[in-house]
Protein backbone atom coordinates (compact mmCIF):
# COMPACT_ATOMS: atom_id res chain seq x y z
CA MET A 1 1.46 8.93 -34.09
CA PRO A 2 -1.22 7.46 -31.23
CA VAL A 3 0.17 8.15 -28.00
CA ARG A 4 -0.20 4.81 -25.70
CA VAL A 5 -1.20 4.52 -22.27
CA GLN A 6 0.08 2.61 -20.16
CA GLU A 7 -3.28 1.65 -17.40
CA VAL A 8 -1.75 0.23 -13.87
CA LYS A 9 -4.00 -2.77 -11.94
CA THR A 10 -5.10 -1.79 -9.03
CA HIS A 11 -6.46 -4.77 -6.83
CA LYS A 12 -9.46 -4.85 -4.78
CA ILE A 13 -8.26 -3.25 -0.87
CA LYS A 14 -9.72 -5.35 1.90
CA ILE A 15 -8.20 -2.80 4.21
CA LYS A 16 -10.32 -0.07 5.09
CA ARG A 17 -10.11 2.86 7.74
CA ASN A 18 -9.71 2.57 11.25
CA ASP A 19 -9.17 -0.89 11.09
CA GLN A 20 -6.79 -2.30 12.84
CA VAL A 21 -3.13 -3.83 11.44
CA ILE A 22 0.20 -5.34 11.97
CA VAL A 23 2.84 -4.65 9.42
CA ILE A 24 4.92 -8.09 8.54
CA ALA A 25 7.47 -6.66 5.92
CA GLY A 26 9.91 -3.66 6.32
CA LYS A 27 11.54 -1.82 8.39
CA ASP A 28 8.17 -2.00 11.48
CA LYS A 29 7.67 -5.60 11.36
CA GLY A 30 5.50 -6.18 14.38
CA LYS A 31 4.25 -2.98 14.93
CA LYS A 32 0.63 -2.86 15.54
CA GLY A 33 -1.46 0.72 14.54
CA ARG A 34 -4.54 1.90 13.31
CA VAL A 35 -5.29 3.01 9.44
CA LEU A 36 -5.63 6.72 9.32
CA ARG A 37 -6.39 6.95 5.41
CA VAL A 38 -6.40 4.19 2.20
CA LEU A 39 -4.93 5.00 -1.09
CA ALA A 40 -6.86 2.53 -3.41
CA ASP A 41 -5.23 3.94 -6.86
CA LYS A 42 -1.66 3.90 -5.18
CA ASN A 43 -2.34 0.37 -2.98
CA ARG A 44 -0.45 2.23 -0.21
CA VAL A 45 -2.01 2.98 3.85
CA LEU A 46 -1.38 4.99 6.21
CA VAL A 47 -0.81 3.73 9.39
CA GLU A 48 -0.82 5.38 12.74
CA GLY A 49 3.15 5.12 14.36
CA VAL A 50 4.18 3.05 11.77
CA MET A 51 6.91 4.38 9.02
CA LEU A 52 8.09 7.97 10.68
CA ILE A 53 10.16 10.04 8.29
CA LYS A 54 11.48 13.14 9.57
CA LYS A 55 10.16 16.13 7.71
CA HIS A 56 11.45 19.55 7.55
CA VAL A 57 9.05 22.22 8.57
CA LYS A 58 9.37 26.48 7.72
CA PRO A 59 8.33 28.37 10.36
CA ASN A 60 4.96 30.12 9.42
CA PRO A 61 3.70 32.83 12.06
CA GLN A 62 0.74 33.35 10.29
CA LYS A 63 -1.33 29.58 10.50
CA ASN A 64 0.87 29.39 13.86
CA ILE A 65 3.31 26.64 12.65
CA LYS A 66 6.74 26.26 14.41
CA GLY A 67 9.51 24.88 12.19
CA GLY A 68 11.79 22.66 12.89
CA ILE A 69 11.97 19.26 12.26
CA ALA A 70 8.75 17.10 11.98
CA GLU A 71 8.34 13.60 12.86
CA GLN A 72 4.87 11.99 10.18
CA GLU A 73 3.85 9.16 9.52
CA ALA A 74 5.02 8.06 5.35
CA THR A 75 2.64 5.91 3.26
CA ILE A 76 3.38 2.03 3.20
CA HIS A 77 2.64 -0.67 0.61
CA VAL A 78 -1.09 -2.76 1.34
CA SER A 79 0.92 -5.39 0.98
CA ASN A 80 3.14 -5.08 4.04
CA VAL A 81 0.39 -4.78 6.08
CA MET A 82 -2.62 -7.59 7.40
CA LEU A 83 -5.18 -7.28 9.94
CA VAL A 84 -5.64 -8.42 13.46
CA ASP A 85 -8.46 -10.02 14.55
CA SER A 86 -9.68 -10.64 17.55
CA GLU A 87 -6.94 -12.50 19.22
CA GLY A 88 -4.44 -10.00 17.93
CA LYS A 89 -2.70 -12.47 15.01
CA ALA A 90 -2.18 -11.61 11.11
CA THR A 91 -5.31 -12.64 9.45
CA ARG A 92 -6.95 -11.93 6.29
CA SER A 93 -10.92 -11.30 5.88
CA GLY A 94 -13.89 -12.82 4.30
CA VAL A 95 -17.24 -11.77 4.07
CA ARG A 96 -20.44 -14.30 5.82
CA GLU A 97 -23.72 -13.00 5.92
CA ASP A 98 -26.16 -12.58 9.30
CA GLY A 99 -29.39 -12.31 7.95
CA ASP A 100 -29.40 -9.41 5.54
CA LYS A 101 -26.15 -8.23 6.14
CA LYS A 102 -23.05 -8.69 5.00
CA VAL A 103 -19.92 -8.80 7.67
CA ARG A 104 -16.81 -8.69 7.39
CA VAL A 105 -15.15 -11.62 9.23
CA ALA A 106 -11.90 -12.58 10.39
CA LYS A 107 -10.27 -16.33 8.28
CA THR A 108 -8.20 -17.80 11.31
CA ASN A 109 -10.76 -17.77 14.07
CA GLY A 110 -14.22 -16.76 12.12
CA SER A 111 -14.63 -13.82 14.27
CA VAL A 112 -16.52 -10.10 13.30
CA ILE A 113 -13.81 -7.77 12.41
CA ALA A 114 -15.98 -5.07 14.36
CA GLU A 115 -16.69 -2.08 12.71
CA LYS A 116 -15.03 1.07 14.10
CA LYS A 117 -17.57 3.83 13.74
CA SER A 118 -15.19 8.04 13.38
CA LYS A 119 -16.74 10.66 15.04
């Protein structure tokens, strides 16, 4: 008897690393932060300072890790965040051609969403 494999549909995520986003739903609604990581296969993003959880950490003297309860960010579903435009409002994104380059633009005011370079 053949085994059925269930396919998971993933949508294109228009939020990228280092984008400024605002949380539109959940316990952290209204908070703004920078995207640290995008998990496209799970439709989730890791946002700086949002969805903080407490993690119990064991001490490890070899790696110079102190034990205790540490706070860290957990992932949040991509549908619960929106990009922030130049005025600080939530917006959807689109693509426009500037000469020969494609740039991402905010749908609310048409301003270009800045591509932040990470070091």
